[in-house]
PDB file of N, CA and C in Angstrom:
ATOM      1  N   MET A   1      62.098  66.312   3.288  1.00  0.00           N
ATOM      2  CA  MET A   1      63.001  67.283   3.043  1.00  0.00           C
ATOM      3  C   MET A   1      64.074  66.875   2.136  1.00  0.00           C
ATOM      4  N   ALA A   2      64.525  67.454   1.112  1.00  0.00           N
ATOM      5  CA  ALA A   2      65.608  67.040   0.201  1.00  0.00           C
ATOM      6  C   ALA A   2      66.699  67.085   0.745  1.00  0.00           C
ATOM      7  N   LYS A   3      67.774  66.170   0.076  1.00  0.00           N
ATOM      8  CA  LYS A   3      69.111  66.018   0.550  1.00  0.00           C
ATOM      9  C   LYS A   3      69.878  67.164   0.012  1.00  0.00           C
ATOM     10  N   ARG A   4      70.688  67.880   0.717  1.00  0.00           N
ATOM     11  CA  ARG A   4      71.540  69.114   0.370  1.00  0.00           C
ATOM     12  C   ARG A   4      73.058  68.499   0.899  1.00  0.00           C
ATOM     13  N   ASN A   5      74.080  69.219   0.236  1.00  0.00           N
ATOM     14  CA  ASN A   5      75.448  68.844   0.626  1.00  0.00           C
ATOM     15  C   ASN A   5      75.664  67.589   1.502  1.00  0.00           C
ATOM     16  N   GLY A   6      75.470  66.512   1.105  1.00  0.00           N
ATOM     17  CA  GLY A   6      75.611  65.206   1.751  1.00  0.00           C
ATOM     18  C   GLY A   6      74.963  65.009   3.086  1.00  0.00           C
ATOM     19  N   LYS A   7      73.566  65.577   3.194  1.00  0.00           N
ATOM     20  CA  LYS A   7      72.801  65.017   4.162  1.00  0.00           C
ATOM     21  C   LYS A   7      71.961  64.184   3.820  1.00  0.00           C
ATOM     22  N   SER A   8      71.095  63.347   4.730  1.00  0.00           N
ATOM     23  CA  SER A   8      70.421  62.469   4.359  1.00  0.00           C
ATOM     24  C   SER A   8      68.850  62.908   4.236  1.00  0.00           C
ATOM     25  N   CYS A   9      67.986  62.092   4.342  1.00  0.00           N
ATOM     26  CA  CYS A   9      66.617  62.551   4.088  1.00  0.00           C
ATOM     27  C   CYS A   9      65.973  63.167   5.091  1.00  0.00           C
ATOM     28  N   CYS A  10      66.590  63.092   6.327  1.00  0.00           N
ATOM     29  CA  CYS A  10      65.967  64.082   7.526  1.00  0.00           C
ATOM     30  C   CYS A  10      66.573  65.395   7.588  1.00  0.00           C
ATOM     31  N   GLY A  11      67.714  65.577   6.454  1.00  0.00           N
ATOM     32  CA  GLY A  11      68.124  67.041   6.435  1.00  0.00           C
ATOM     33  C   GLY A  11      69.170  67.094   7.659  1.00  0.00           C
ATOM     34  N   MET A  12      69.832  65.860   7.818  1.00  0.00           N
ATOM     35  CA  MET A  12      71.137  65.855   8.354  1.00  0.00           C
ATOM     36  C   MET A  12      71.574  64.463   8.528  1.00  0.00           C
ATOM     37  N   LYS A  13      73.088  64.591   8.569  1.00  0.00           N
ATOM     38  CA  LYS A  13      74.066  63.164   8.411  1.00  0.00           C
ATOM     39  C   LYS A  13      73.824  62.238   9.388  1.00  0.00           C
ATOM     40  N   ALA A  14      73.668  61.024   9.037  1.00  0.00           N
ATOM     41  CA  ALA A  14      73.388  59.918   9.998  1.00  0.00           C
ATOM     42  C   ALA A  14      74.753  59.977  11.081  1.00  0.00           C
ATOM     43  N   ARG A  15      74.261  59.484  12.142  1.00  0.00           N
ATOM     44  CA  ARG A  15      75.276  59.763  13.525  1.00  0.00           C
ATOM     45  C   ARG A  15      75.494  58.154  13.550  1.00  0.00           C
ATOM     46  N   ARG A  16      75.101  57.165  13.189  1.00  0.00           N
ATOM     47  CA  ARG A  16      75.298  55.689  13.187  1.00  0.00           C
ATOM     48  C   ARG A  16      74.644  54.972  12.274  1.00  0.00           C
ATOM     49  N   VAL A  17      75.335  54.066  11.655  1.00  0.00           N
ATOM     50  CA  VAL A  17      74.664  52.967  10.783  1.00  0.00           C
ATOM     51  C   VAL A  17      75.204  51.658  11.227  1.00  0.00           C
ATOM     52  N   ARG A  18      74.410  51.029  11.633  1.00  0.00           N
ATOM     53  CA  ARG A  18      74.677  49.422  12.176  1.00  0.00           C
ATOM     54  C   ARG A  18      73.821  48.369  11.688  1.00  0.00           C
ATOM     55  N   ASP A  19      74.691  47.297  11.182  1.00  0.00           N
ATOM     56  CA  ASP A  19      73.853  46.031  10.880  1.00  0.00           C
ATOM     57  C   ASP A  19      73.295  45.653  12.377  1.00  0.00           C
ATOM     58  N   LEU A  20      72.288  45.156  11.912  1.00  0.00           N
ATOM     59  CA  LEU A  20      71.310  44.287  12.998  1.00  0.00           C
ATOM     60  C   LEU A  20      71.396  42.880  12.756  1.00  0.00           C
ATOM     61  N   PRO A  21      71.179  42.210  13.740  1.00  0.00           N
ATOM     62  CA  PRO A  21      71.425  40.594  13.394  1.00  0.00           C
ATOM     63  C   PRO A  21      70.222  40.165  12.788  1.00  0.00           C
ATOM     64  N   CYS A  22      70.777  39.144  12.027  1.00  0.00           N
ATOM     65  CA  CYS A  22      69.321  38.408  11.109  1.00  0.00           C
ATOM     66  C   CYS A  22      69.055  36.923  12.012  1.00  0.00           C
ATOM     67  N   PHE A  23      67.861  37.072  12.894  1.00  0.00           N
ATOM     68  CA  PHE A  23      67.599  35.758  13.410  1.00  0.00           C
ATOM     69  C   PHE A  23      67.070  34.480  12.767  1.00  0.00           C
ATOM     70  N   ASN A  24      66.819  34.611  11.575  1.00  0.00           N
ATOM     71  CA  ASN A  24      66.500  33.336  10.601  1.00  0.00           C
ATOM     72  C   ASN A  24      66.859  33.407   9.081  1.00  0.00           C
ATOM     73  N   GLU A  25      66.472  32.541   8.733  1.00  0.00           N
ATOM     74  CA  GLU A  25      66.938  32.287   7.078  1.00  0.00           C
ATOM     75  C   GLU A  25      66.051  33.800   6.397  1.00  0.00           C
ATOM     76  N   GLY A  26      65.052  33.722   6.724  1.00  0.00           N
ATOM     77  CA  GLY A  26      63.854  34.780   6.147  1.00  0.00           C
ATOM     78  C   GLY A  26      64.659  36.253   6.114  1.00  0.00           C
ATOM     79  N   PHE A  27      65.667  36.608   6.945  1.00  0.00           N
ATOM     80  CA  PHE A  27      66.279  37.926   6.780  1.00  0.00           C
ATOM     81  C   PHE A  27      67.599  37.561   5.814  1.00  0.00           C
ATOM     82  N   VAL A  28      67.754  38.619   5.056  1.00  0.00           N
ATOM     83  CA  VAL A  28      68.852  38.683   4.301  1.00  0.00           C
ATOM     84  C   VAL A  28      69.948  39.448   4.737  1.00  0.00           C
ATOM     85  N   ALA A  29      69.433  40.873   5.371  1.00  0.00           N
ATOM     86  CA  ALA A  29      70.166  42.031   6.020  1.00  0.00           C
ATOM     87  C   ALA A  29      69.347  42.876   6.611  1.00  0.00           C
ATOM     88  N   ARG A  30      69.724  43.461   7.658  1.00  0.00           N
ATOM     89  CA  ARG A  30      68.856  44.579   8.372  1.00  0.00           C
ATOM     90  C   ARG A  30      69.841  45.715   8.843  1.00  0.00           C
ATOM     91  N   THR A  31      69.783  46.930   8.525  1.00  0.00           N
ATOM     92  CA  THR A  31      70.569  47.810   8.827  1.00  0.00           C
ATOM     93  C   THR A  31      69.622  49.040   9.486  1.00  0.00           C
ATOM     94  N   LEU A  32      70.104  49.815  10.626  1.00  0.00           N
ATOM     95  CA  LEU A  32      69.385  50.660  11.298  1.00  0.00           C
ATOM     96  C   LEU A  32      70.140  51.883  11.191  1.00  0.00           C
ATOM     97  N   VAL A  33      69.517  52.930  10.766  1.00  0.00           N
ATOM     98  CA  VAL A  33      70.087  54.451  10.495  1.00  0.00           C
ATOM     99  C   VAL A  33      69.684  55.210  11.487  1.00  0.00           C
ATOM    100  N   ALA A  34      70.747  55.718  12.433  1.00  0.00           N
ATOM    101  CA  ALA A  34      70.349  56.821  13.576  1.00  0.00           C
ATOM    102  C   ALA A  34      70.740  58.103  12.988  1.00  0.00           C
ATOM    103  N   TYR A  35      70.181  59.298  13.346  1.00  0.00           N
ATOM    104  CA  TYR A  35      70.507  60.874  13.364  1.00  0.00           C
ATOM    105  C   TYR A  35      70.872  61.325  14.389  1.00  0.00           C
ATOM    106  N   TRP A  36      71.447  62.459  14.272  1.00  0.00           N
ATOM    107  CA  TRP A  36      71.648  63.392  15.346  1.00  0.00           C
ATOM    108  C   TRP A  36      70.586  63.748  16.201  1.00  0.00           C
ATOM    109  N   TRP A  37      69.403  64.021  15.459  1.00  0.00           N
ATOM    110  CA  TRP A  37      68.173  64.391  15.993  1.00  0.00           C
ATOM    111  C   TRP A  37      67.617  63.398  16.511  1.00  0.00           C
ATOM    112  N   PRO A  38      67.184  63.578  17.962  1.00  0.00           N
ATOM    113  CA  PRO A  38      66.421  62.577  18.779  1.00  0.00           C
ATOM    114  C   PRO A  38      65.123  61.717  18.185  1.00  0.00           C
ATOM    115  N   GLY A  39      64.963  60.607  18.177  1.00  0.00           N
ATOM    116  CA  GLY A  39      63.979  59.953  17.765  1.00  0.00           C
ATOM    117  C   GLY A  39      64.005  59.588  16.072  1.00  0.00           C
ATOM    118  N   ARG A  40      64.882  59.992  15.493  1.00  0.00           N
ATOM    119  CA  ARG A  40      64.996  59.911  13.934  1.00  0.00           C
ATOM    120  C   ARG A  40      65.546  58.801  13.695  1.00  0.00           C
ATOM    121  N   TYR A  41      65.081  57.699  13.134  1.00  0.00           N
ATOM    122  CA  TYR A  41      65.638  56.166  12.955  1.00  0.00           C
ATOM    123  C   TYR A  41      65.067  55.740  11.337  1.00  0.00           C
ATOM    124  N   HIS A  42      65.595  55.134  10.771  1.00  0.00           N
ATOM    125  CA  HIS A  42      65.366  54.377   9.499  1.00  0.00           C
ATOM    126  C   HIS A  42      65.677  53.095   9.577  1.00  0.00           C
ATOM    127  N   LEU A  43      65.200  52.200   9.074  1.00  0.00           N
ATOM    128  CA  LEU A  43      65.538  50.625   8.777  1.00  0.00           C
ATOM    129  C   LEU A  43      65.749  50.244   7.340  1.00  0.00           C
ATOM    130  N   VAL A  44      66.772  49.922   6.849  1.00  0.00           N
ATOM    131  CA  VAL A  44      66.722  49.151   5.736  1.00  0.00           C
ATOM    132  C   VAL A  44      66.668  47.627   5.675  1.00  0.00           C
ATOM    133  N   SER A  45      65.715  47.099   5.197  1.00  0.00           N
ATOM    134  CA  SER A  45      65.669  45.728   5.450  1.00  0.00           C
ATOM    135  C   SER A  45      65.624  44.947   4.193  1.00  0.00           C
ATOM    136  N   THR A  46      66.028  43.748   4.282  1.00  0.00           N
ATOM    137  CA  THR A  46      65.811  42.911   3.012  1.00  0.00           C
ATOM    138  C   THR A  46      65.496  41.403   3.437  1.00  0.00           C
ATOM    139  N   ILE A  47      64.527  41.204   3.026  1.00  0.00           N
ATOM    140  CA  ILE A  47      63.849  40.013   3.616  1.00  0.00           C
ATOM    141  C   ILE A  47      63.581  38.958   2.397  1.00  0.00           C
ATOM    142  N   MET A  48      63.111  37.642   2.650  1.00  0.00           N
ATOM    143  CA  MET A  48      62.719  36.523   1.771  1.00  0.00           C
ATOM    144  C   MET A  48      61.446  36.388   2.038  1.00  0.00           C
ATOM    145  N   GLY A  49      60.539  36.188   0.709  1.00  0.00           N
ATOM    146  CA  GLY A  49      59.185  35.618   1.094  1.00  0.00           C
ATOM    147  C   GLY A  49      58.392  35.206  -0.141  1.00  0.00           C
ATOM    148  N   LEU A  50      57.385  34.560  -0.009  1.00  0.00           N
ATOM    149  CA  LEU A  50      56.646  34.276  -1.427  1.00  0.00           C
ATOM    150  C   LEU A  50      56.056  35.369  -2.199  1.00  0.00           C
ATOM    151  N   GLY A  51      56.219  35.257  -3.296  1.00  0.00           N
ATOM    152  CA  GLY A  51      55.464  36.252  -4.085  1.00  0.00           C
ATOM    153  C   GLY A  51      54.877  35.431  -5.417  1.00  0.00           C
ATOM    154  N   THR A  52      54.213  36.156  -5.877  1.00  0.00           N
ATOM    155  CA  THR A  52      53.459  35.203  -7.231  1.00  0.00           C
ATOM    156  C   THR A  52      54.408  35.996  -8.306  1.00  0.00           C
ATOM    157  N   THR A  53      54.493  34.950  -9.291  1.00  0.00           N
ATOM    158  CA  THR A  53      55.320  35.292 -10.696  1.00  0.00           C
ATOM    159  C   THR A  53      54.105  36.034 -11.703  1.00  0.00           C
ATOM    160  N   ALA A  54      53.015  35.885 -11.469  1.00  0.00           N
ATOM    161  CA  ALA A  54      52.096  36.499 -12.315  1.00  0.00           C
ATOM    162  C   ALA A  54      50.691  36.797 -11.672  1.00  0.00           C
ATOM    163  N   PRO A  55      50.721  38.030 -11.327  1.00  0.00           N
ATOM    164  CA  PRO A  55      49.562  38.346 -10.110  1.00  0.00           C
ATOM    165  C   PRO A  55      48.193  38.562 -10.875  1.00  0.00           C
ATOM    166  N   LEU A  56      48.342  38.811 -11.876  1.00  0.00           N
ATOM    167  CA  LEU A  56      46.990  38.985 -13.015  1.00  0.00           C
ATOM    168  C   LEU A  56      46.576  37.361 -13.362  1.00  0.00           C
ATOM    169  N   ALA A  57      47.358  36.673 -13.318  1.00  0.00           N
ATOM    170  CA  ALA A  57      47.120  34.995 -13.897  1.00  0.00           C
ATOM    171  C   ALA A  57      45.961  34.489 -13.068  1.00  0.00           C
ATOM    172  N   GLU A  58      45.935  34.887 -11.521  1.00  0.00           N
ATOM    173  CA  GLU A  58      44.537  34.369 -10.966  1.00  0.00           C
ATOM    174  C   GLU A  58      43.600  35.079 -11.360  1.00  0.00           C
ATOM    175  N   PHE A  59      43.483  36.224 -11.581  1.00  0.00           N
ATOM    176  CA  PHE A  59      42.347  36.927 -12.146  1.00  0.00           C
ATOM    177  C   PHE A  59      41.765  36.411 -13.461  1.00  0.00           C
ATOM    178  N   ALA A  60      42.896  35.984 -14.288  1.00  0.00           N
ATOM    179  CA  ALA A  60      42.488  35.423 -15.615  1.00  0.00           C
ATOM    180  C   ALA A  60      41.871  34.039 -15.461  1.00  0.00           C
ATOM    181  N   GLY A  61      42.029  33.411 -14.491  1.00  0.00           N
ATOM    182  CA  GLY A  61      41.507  31.873 -14.138  1.00  0.00           C
ATOM    183  C   GLY A  61      42.555  31.254 -14.219  1.00  0.00           C
ATOM    184  N   THR A  62      43.913  31.365 -14.626  1.00  0.00           N
ATOM    185  CA  THR A  62      44.908  30.467 -14.436  1.00  0.00           C
ATOM    186  C   THR A  62      45.734  30.614 -13.309  1.00  0.00           C
ATOM    187  N   PRO A  63      46.054  29.395 -12.813  1.00  0.00           N
ATOM    188  CA  PRO A  63      46.718  29.635 -11.353  1.00  0.00           C
ATOM    189  C   PRO A  63      48.064  29.999 -11.465  1.00  0.00           C
ATOM    190  N   ALA A  64      48.363  31.044 -10.775  1.00  0.00           N
ATOM    191  CA  ALA A  64      49.852  31.779 -10.826  1.00  0.00           C
ATOM    192  C   ALA A  64      50.750  30.843 -10.026  1.00  0.00           C
ATOM    193  N   ARG A  65      52.181  30.673 -10.572  1.00  0.00           N
ATOM    194  CA  ARG A  65      53.028  29.960  -9.710  1.00  0.00           C
ATOM    195  C   ARG A  65      53.532  30.889  -8.695  1.00  0.00           C
ATOM    196  N   ARG A  66      53.814  30.267  -7.282  1.00  0.00           N
ATOM    197  CA  ARG A  66      54.478  30.912  -6.466  1.00  0.00           C
ATOM    198  C   ARG A  66      56.019  30.702  -6.548  1.00  0.00           C
ATOM    199  N   ALA A  67      56.740  31.793  -6.249  1.00  0.00           N
ATOM    200  CA  ALA A  67      58.208  31.554  -6.237  1.00  0.00           C
ATOM    201  C   ALA A  67      58.834  32.567  -5.072  1.00  0.00           C
ATOM    202  N   TRP A  68      60.016  32.089  -4.489  1.00  0.00           N
ATOM    203  CA  TRP A  68      60.436  32.979  -3.658  1.00  0.00           C
ATOM    204  C   TRP A  68      61.088  34.179  -4.161  1.00  0.00           C
ATOM    205  N   GLN A  69      60.845  35.284  -3.505  1.00  0.00           N
ATOM    206  CA  GLN A  69      61.225  36.751  -3.837  1.00  0.00           C
ATOM    207  C   GLN A  69      61.957  37.337  -2.487  1.00  0.00           C
ATOM    208  N   PHE A  70      62.937  38.205  -2.984  1.00  0.00           N
ATOM    209  CA  PHE A  70      63.798  38.866  -2.070  1.00  0.00           C
ATOM    210  C   PHE A  70      63.279  40.219  -2.231  1.00  0.00           C
ATOM    211  N   THR A  71      62.865  41.140  -1.134  1.00  0.00           N
ATOM    212  CA  THR A  71      62.657  42.196  -1.052  1.00  0.00           C
ATOM    213  C   THR A  71      63.355  43.302  -0.177  1.00  0.00           C
ATOM    214  N   THR A  72      63.943  44.531  -0.705  1.00  0.00           N
ATOM    215  CA  THR A  72      64.547  45.408   0.235  1.00  0.00           C
ATOM    216  C   THR A  72      63.636  46.514   0.514  1.00  0.00           C
ATOM    217  N   GLN A  73      63.149  46.922   1.505  1.00  0.00           N
ATOM    218  CA  GLN A  73      62.562  48.118   1.896  1.00  0.00           C
ATOM    219  C   GLN A  73      63.332  48.946   2.658  1.00  0.00           C
ATOM    220  N   ILE A  74      62.748  50.197   2.618  1.00  0.00           N
ATOM    221  CA  ILE A  74      63.194  51.447   3.711  1.00  0.00           C
ATOM    222  C   ILE A  74      62.254  51.805   4.684  1.00  0.00           C
ATOM    223  N   PHE A  75      62.035  51.682   5.875  1.00  0.00           N
ATOM    224  CA  PHE A  75      61.116  52.206   6.919  1.00  0.00           C
ATOM    225  C   PHE A  75      61.474  53.229   7.790  1.00  0.00           C
ATOM    226  N   VAL A  76      60.473  54.070   8.208  1.00  0.00           N
ATOM    227  CA  VAL A  76      60.774  54.599   9.383  1.00  0.00           C
ATOM    228  C   VAL A  76      60.800  53.887  10.549  1.00  0.00           C
ATOM    229  N   CYS A  77      61.456  53.905  11.499  1.00  0.00           N
ATOM    230  CA  CYS A  77      61.546  52.997  12.850  1.00  0.00           C
ATOM    231  C   CYS A  77      61.838  53.575  13.864  1.00  0.00           C
ATOM    232  N   ASN A  78      61.763  52.795  15.053  1.00  0.00           N
ATOM    233  CA  ASN A  78      61.988  53.182  16.516  1.00  0.00           C
ATOM    234  C   ASN A  78      63.642  52.928  16.514  1.00  0.00           C
ATOM    235  N   ARG A  79      64.264  53.228  17.754  1.00  0.00           N
ATOM    236  CA  ARG A  79      65.191  53.200  18.220  1.00  0.00           C
ATOM    237  C   ARG A  79      66.070  51.489  18.255  1.00  0.00           C
ATOM    238  N   ARG A  80      64.995  50.668  18.345  1.00  0.00           N
ATOM    239  CA  ARG A  80      65.298  49.165  18.273  1.00  0.00           C
ATOM    240  C   ARG A  80      65.039  48.737  17.109  1.00  0.00           C
ATOM    241  N   GLY A  81      64.812  49.359  15.913  1.00  0.00           N
ATOM    242  CA  GLY A  81      64.664  48.986  14.519  1.00  0.00           C
ATOM    243  C   GLY A  81      63.258  48.481  14.231  1.00  0.00           C
ATOM    244  N   PHE A  82      62.285  48.570  15.179  1.00  0.00           N
ATOM    245  CA  PHE A  82      61.055  48.057  14.669  1.00  0.00           C
ATOM    246  C   PHE A  82      60.179  49.201  13.789  1.00  0.00           C
ATOM    247  N   PRO A  83      59.867  49.190  12.602  1.00  0.00           N
ATOM    248  CA  PRO A  83      59.035  49.615  11.767  1.00  0.00           C
ATOM    249  C   PRO A  83      57.816  50.317  12.334  1.00  0.00           C
ATOM    250  N   THR A  84      57.420  51.779  12.124  1.00  0.00           N
ATOM    251  CA  THR A  84      56.315  52.304  12.683  1.00  0.00           C
ATOM    252  C   THR A  84      55.270  51.908  11.790  1.00  0.00           C
ATOM    253  N   ASP A  85      55.276  51.968  10.606  1.00  0.00           N
ATOM    254  CA  ASP A  85      54.388  51.724   9.722  1.00  0.00           C
ATOM    255  C   ASP A  85      54.696  50.643   8.513  1.00  0.00           C
ATOM    256  N   TYR A  86      54.717  49.196   8.624  1.00  0.00           N
ATOM    257  CA  TYR A  86      55.259  48.344   7.587  1.00  0.00           C
ATOM    258  C   TYR A  86      54.267  48.539   6.227  1.00  0.00           C
ATOM    259  N   LEU A  87      53.044  49.180   6.209  1.00  0.00           N
ATOM    260  CA  LEU A  87      52.419  49.316   4.939  1.00  0.00           C
ATOM    261  C   LEU A  87      52.834  50.407   4.063  1.00  0.00           C
ATOM    262  N   ASN A  88      53.622  51.342   4.615  1.00  0.00           N
ATOM    263  CA  ASN A  88      54.183  52.464   3.912  1.00  0.00           C
ATOM    264  C   ASN A  88      55.648  52.609   3.905  1.00  0.00           C
ATOM    265  N   PRO A  89      56.453  51.427   3.044  1.00  0.00           N
ATOM    266  CA  PRO A  89      57.896  51.969   3.181  1.00  0.00           C
ATOM    267  C   PRO A  89      57.914  52.959   2.296  1.00  0.00           C
ATOM    268  N   LEU A  90      59.220  53.688   2.375  1.00  0.00           N
ATOM    269  CA  LEU A  90      59.709  54.856   1.849  1.00  0.00           C
ATOM    270  C   LEU A  90      60.209  54.481   0.478  1.00  0.00           C
ATOM    271  N   HIS A  91      60.722  53.053   0.267  1.00  0.00           N
ATOM    272  CA  HIS A  91      61.485  52.648  -0.941  1.00  0.00           C
ATOM    273  C   HIS A  91      61.230  51.469  -0.669  1.00  0.00           C
ATOM    274  N   GLY A  92      61.194  50.818  -2.121  1.00  0.00           N
ATOM    275  CA  GLY A  92      60.959  49.058  -1.937  1.00  0.00           C
ATOM    276  C   GLY A  92      61.618  48.368  -3.562  1.00  0.00           C
ATOM    277  N   GLU A  93      62.439  47.643  -3.396  1.00  0.00           N
ATOM    278  CA  GLU A  93      62.998  46.713  -4.584  1.00  0.00           C
ATOM    279  C   GLU A  93      63.042  45.253  -4.422  1.00  0.00           C
ATOM    280  N   SER A  94      62.613  44.511  -5.499  1.00  0.00           N
ATOM    281  CA  SER A  94      62.596  43.025  -5.448  1.00  0.00           C
ATOM    282  C   SER A  94      63.687  42.499  -6.125  1.00  0.00           C
ATOM    283  N   TYR A  95      64.038  41.098  -5.779  1.00  0.00           N
ATOM    284  CA  TYR A  95      65.063  40.376  -6.581  1.00  0.00           C
ATOM    285  C   TYR A  95      64.906  38.942  -6.621  1.00  0.00           C
ATOM    286  N   SER A  96      65.380  38.338  -7.606  1.00  0.00           N
ATOM    287  CA  SER A  96      64.996  37.045  -7.600  1.00  0.00           C
ATOM    288  C   SER A  96      65.919  36.093  -6.859  1.00  0.00           C
ATOM    289  N   THR A  97      67.184  36.317  -6.699  1.00  0.00           N
ATOM    290  CA  THR A  97      68.219  35.533  -5.812  1.00  0.00           C
ATOM    291  C   THR A  97      68.652  36.195  -4.627  1.00  0.00           C
ATOM    292  N   ARG A  98      69.166  35.489  -3.587  1.00  0.00           N
ATOM    293  CA  ARG A  98      69.775  35.963  -2.549  1.00  0.00           C
ATOM    294  C   ARG A  98      71.028  36.714  -2.814  1.00  0.00           C
ATOM    295  N   GLU A  99      71.877  36.451  -3.866  1.00  0.00           N
ATOM    296  CA  GLU A  99      73.158  37.163  -4.436  1.00  0.00           C
ATOM    297  C   GLU A  99      72.567  38.568  -4.802  1.00  0.00           C
ATOM    298  N   GLU A 100      71.572  38.614  -5.536  1.00  0.00           N
ATOM    299  CA  GLU A 100      71.246  40.013  -5.878  1.00  0.00           C
ATOM    300  C   GLU A 100      70.677  40.615  -4.622  1.00  0.00           C
ATOM    301  N   ALA A 101      70.011  40.116  -3.712  1.00  0.00           N
ATOM    302  CA  ALA A 101      69.207  40.712  -2.869  1.00  0.00           C
ATOM    303  C   ALA A 101      70.667  41.281  -1.880  1.00  0.00           C
ATOM    304  N   GLN A 102      71.532  40.764  -1.643  1.00  0.00           N
ATOM    305  CA  GLN A 102      72.669  41.049  -0.755  1.00  0.00           C
ATOM    306  C   GLN A 102      73.217  42.290  -1.527  1.00  0.00           C
ATOM    307  N   ALA A 103      73.592  42.351  -2.610  1.00  0.00           N
ATOM    308  CA  ALA A 103      74.254  43.437  -3.582  1.00  0.00           C
ATOM    309  C   ALA A 103      73.070  44.469  -3.425  1.00  0.00           C
ATOM    310  N   GLY A 104      71.967  44.122  -3.792  1.00  0.00           N
ATOM    311  CA  GLY A 104      70.946  44.982  -3.944  1.00  0.00           C
ATOM    312  C   GLY A 104      70.688  46.179  -2.168  1.00  0.00           C
ATOM    313  N   HIS A 105      70.835  45.162  -1.432  1.00  0.00           N
ATOM    314  CA  HIS A 105      70.827  45.825   0.024  1.00  0.00           C
ATOM    315  C   HIS A 105      71.858  46.890   0.606  1.00  0.00           C
ATOM    316  N   LYS A 106      73.147  46.779  -0.144  1.00  0.00           N
ATOM    317  CA  LYS A 106      74.173  47.627  -0.089  1.00  0.00           C
ATOM    318  C   LYS A 106      74.108  48.616  -0.729  1.00  0.00           C
ATOM    319  N   ARG A 107      73.447  48.465  -1.904  1.00  0.00           N
ATOM    320  CA  ARG A 107      73.273  49.400  -3.046  1.00  0.00           C
ATOM    321  C   ARG A 107      72.306  50.555  -2.610  1.00  0.00           C
ATOM    322  N   VAL A 108      71.129  50.188  -2.050  1.00  0.00           N
ATOM    323  CA  VAL A 108      69.978  50.576  -1.576  1.00  0.00           C
ATOM    324  C   VAL A 108      70.577  51.536  -0.441  1.00  0.00           C
ATOM    325  N   LEU A 109      71.181  50.873   0.557  1.00  0.00           N
ATOM    326  CA  LEU A 109      71.496  51.475   1.509  1.00  0.00           C
ATOM    327  C   LEU A 109      72.824  52.696   1.262  1.00  0.00           C
ATOM    328  N   GLU A 110      73.495  52.493   0.531  1.00  0.00           N
ATOM    329  CA  GLU A 110      74.438  53.654   0.037  1.00  0.00           C
ATOM    330  C   GLU A 110      73.450  54.896  -0.723  1.00  0.00           C
ATOM    331  N   GLU A 111      72.540  54.373  -1.612  1.00  0.00           N
ATOM    332  CA  GLU A 111      71.698  55.404  -2.157  1.00  0.00           C
ATOM    333  C   GLU A 111      70.885  56.260  -1.133  1.00  0.00           C
ATOM    334  N   PHE A 112      70.497  55.503  -0.172  1.00  0.00           N
ATOM    335  CA  PHE A 112      69.603  56.177   0.801  1.00  0.00           C
ATOM    336  C   PHE A 112      70.394  57.042   1.848  1.00  0.00           C
ATOM    337  N   LEU A 113      71.567  56.849   1.997  1.00  0.00           N
ATOM    338  CA  LEU A 113      72.536  57.618   2.920  1.00  0.00           C
ATOM    339  C   LEU A 113      72.914  58.960   2.120  1.00  0.00           C
ATOM    340  N   ALA A 114      73.143  58.639   0.742  1.00  0.00           N
ATOM    341  CA  ALA A 114      73.287  59.776  -0.306  1.00  0.00           C
ATOM    342  C   ALA A 114      72.101  60.649  -0.392  1.00  0.00           C
ATOM    343  N   GLY A 115      70.817  60.162   0.008  1.00  0.00           N
ATOM    344  CA  GLY A 115      69.586  61.142  -0.503  1.00  0.00           C
ATOM    345  C   GLY A 115      68.970  60.869  -1.605  1.00  0.00           C
ATOM    346  N   ARG A 116      69.620  59.859  -2.432  1.00  0.00           N
ATOM    347  CA  ARG A 116      69.119  59.748  -3.738  1.00  0.00           C
ATOM    348  C   ARG A 116      67.752  58.815  -3.681  1.00  0.00           C
ATOM    349  N   ILE A 117      67.468  58.239  -2.753  1.00  0.00           N
ATOM    350  CA  ILE A 117      65.922  57.239  -2.711  1.00  0.00           C
ATOM    351  C   ILE A 117      65.497  57.511  -1.464  1.00  0.00           C
ATOM    352  N   GLY A 118      64.276  57.303  -1.355  1.00  0.00           N
ATOM    353  CA  GLY A 118      63.779  57.387   0.011  1.00  0.00           C
ATOM    354  C   GLY A 118      63.100  58.291   0.660  1.00  0.00           C
ATOM    355  N   THR A 119      63.425  59.657   0.028  1.00  0.00           N
ATOM    356  CA  THR A 119      63.226  60.778   0.510  1.00  0.00           C
ATOM    357  C   THR A 119      61.750  61.338  -0.223  1.00  0.00           C
ATOM    358  N   SER A 120      60.988  62.259   0.481  1.00  0.00           N
ATOM    359  CA  SER A 120      59.894  62.762  -0.287  1.00  0.00           C
ATOM    360  C   SER A 120      60.150  63.613  -1.317  1.00  0.00           C
ATOM    361  N   ALA A 121      61.332  64.006  -1.525  1.00  0.00           N
ATOM    362  CA  ALA A 121      61.625  64.861  -2.925  1.00  0.00           C
ATOM    363  C   ALA A 121      61.957  63.994  -3.823  1.00  0.00           C
ATOM    364  N   THR A 122      62.407  62.545  -3.397  1.00  0.00           N
ATOM    365  CA  THR A 122      62.963  61.903  -4.649  1.00  0.00           C
ATOM    366  C   THR A 122      61.635  60.745  -4.590  1.00  0.00           C
ATOM    367  N   ALA A 123      60.530  60.819  -4.753  1.00  0.00           N
ATOM    368  CA  ALA A 123      59.546  59.967  -4.738  1.00  0.00           C
ATOM    369  C   ALA A 123      59.883  58.726  -5.648  1.00  0.00           C
ATOM    370  N   ASP A 124      59.546  57.613  -5.149  1.00  0.00           N
ATOM    371  CA  ASP A 124      60.180  56.372  -6.133  1.00  0.00           C
ATOM    372  C   ASP A 124      59.488  56.361  -7.470  1.00  0.00           C
ATOM    373  N   LYS A 125      60.063  56.102  -8.235  1.00  0.00           N
ATOM    374  CA  LYS A 125      59.679  56.226  -9.826  1.00  0.00           C
ATOM    375  C   LYS A 125      58.845  55.003 -10.057  1.00  0.00           C
TER     376      LYS A 125
END
């Protein structure tokens, strides 16, 4: 459903936006978005993980370097903030530093709440 008149991707405004605790260094930020319609929740999550710097390098026979990478993703989740499908995020972005990831999390959350990203009508480019 497309965003209209300040409404979110679910066709309604968010009832509550709440930051969730980060239990270890692997989490940069986690935010739960609850809607007025029962059972409608989204999680905006920014985590740290190991990514390859050159995914095709291994295919070409050259070992790829591994580097820390930060990723922000939006998921449909339950009321406790557990994603229902990790394999199909609604949106995803990557960053190379923790500072970029923190700023990116805030920006992605604002854009998601405004309905500019993470909706079926605004498929990620």
